[in-house]
Protein backbone atom coordinates (compact mmCIF):
# COMPACT_ATOMS: atom_id res chain seq x y z
CA MET A 1 34.51 -5.17 -5.87
CA GLU A 2 36.36 -3.36 -8.62
CA GLU A 3 39.49 -5.43 -8.02
CA GLN A 4 37.50 -8.67 -8.40
CA ARG A 5 35.72 -7.35 -11.49
CA GLN A 6 39.04 -6.49 -13.12
CA LYS A 7 40.44 -9.90 -12.21
CA MET A 8 37.42 -11.64 -13.72
CA TYR A 9 37.65 -9.55 -16.88
CA HIS A 10 41.37 -10.25 -17.27
CA ILE A 11 40.91 -13.99 -16.84
CA SER A 12 37.97 -14.12 -19.22
CA ILE A 13 39.82 -12.43 -22.09
CA THR A 14 43.31 -13.84 -21.61
CA GLU A 15 42.82 -17.38 -20.38
CA ASP A 16 40.46 -20.30 -20.53
CA HIS A 17 39.65 -20.59 -16.82
CA TYR A 18 35.90 -20.80 -16.76
CA PRO A 19 35.71 -22.26 -13.21
CA GLU A 20 37.79 -19.34 -11.88
CA VAL A 21 35.57 -16.81 -13.65
CA VAL A 22 32.48 -18.45 -12.14
CA LYS A 23 34.08 -18.37 -8.68
CA ILE A 24 34.90 -14.66 -8.98
CA SER A 25 31.45 -13.90 -10.36
CA GLN A 26 29.82 -15.65 -7.41
CA TYR A 27 32.02 -13.73 -5.01
CA LEU A 28 31.03 -10.45 -6.69
CA ASP A 29 27.37 -11.43 -6.34
CA GLU A 30 27.92 -11.99 -2.62
CA LEU A 31 29.61 -8.60 -2.25
CA LEU A 32 26.82 -6.84 -4.13
CA ASN A 33 24.19 -8.57 -1.99
CA GLU A 34 26.03 -7.56 1.17
CA TYR A 35 26.30 -3.97 -0.09
CA THR A 36 22.59 -3.91 -0.92
CA ARG A 37 21.67 -5.21 2.52
CA TYR A 38 23.93 -2.61 4.14
CA THR A 39 22.57 0.31 2.13
CA ASN A 40 18.96 -0.80 2.67
CA SER A 41 19.61 -1.08 6.40
CA PHE A 42 21.22 2.36 6.43
CA LYS A 43 18.32 3.92 4.53
CA GLN A 44 15.81 2.37 6.90
CA SER A 45 17.72 3.54 9.96
CA LYS A 46 17.73 7.09 8.61
CA GLY A 47 14.17 6.97 7.29
CA LEU A 48 15.43 7.63 3.76
CA SER A 49 13.98 6.61 0.44
CA PHE A 50 15.81 7.14 -2.84
CA GLU A 51 13.29 5.51 -5.17
């Protein structure tokens, strides 16, 4: 995730590639959603609550 974030940041400040920034942003959203699903599943399987 960090690698993609850095790539998006670099493109956004050094170049005018809006479609590429959108593509990377969407990919980051997918990764974050997958991470959230994984952590929620893990918490449920362990009976944990961190809220």
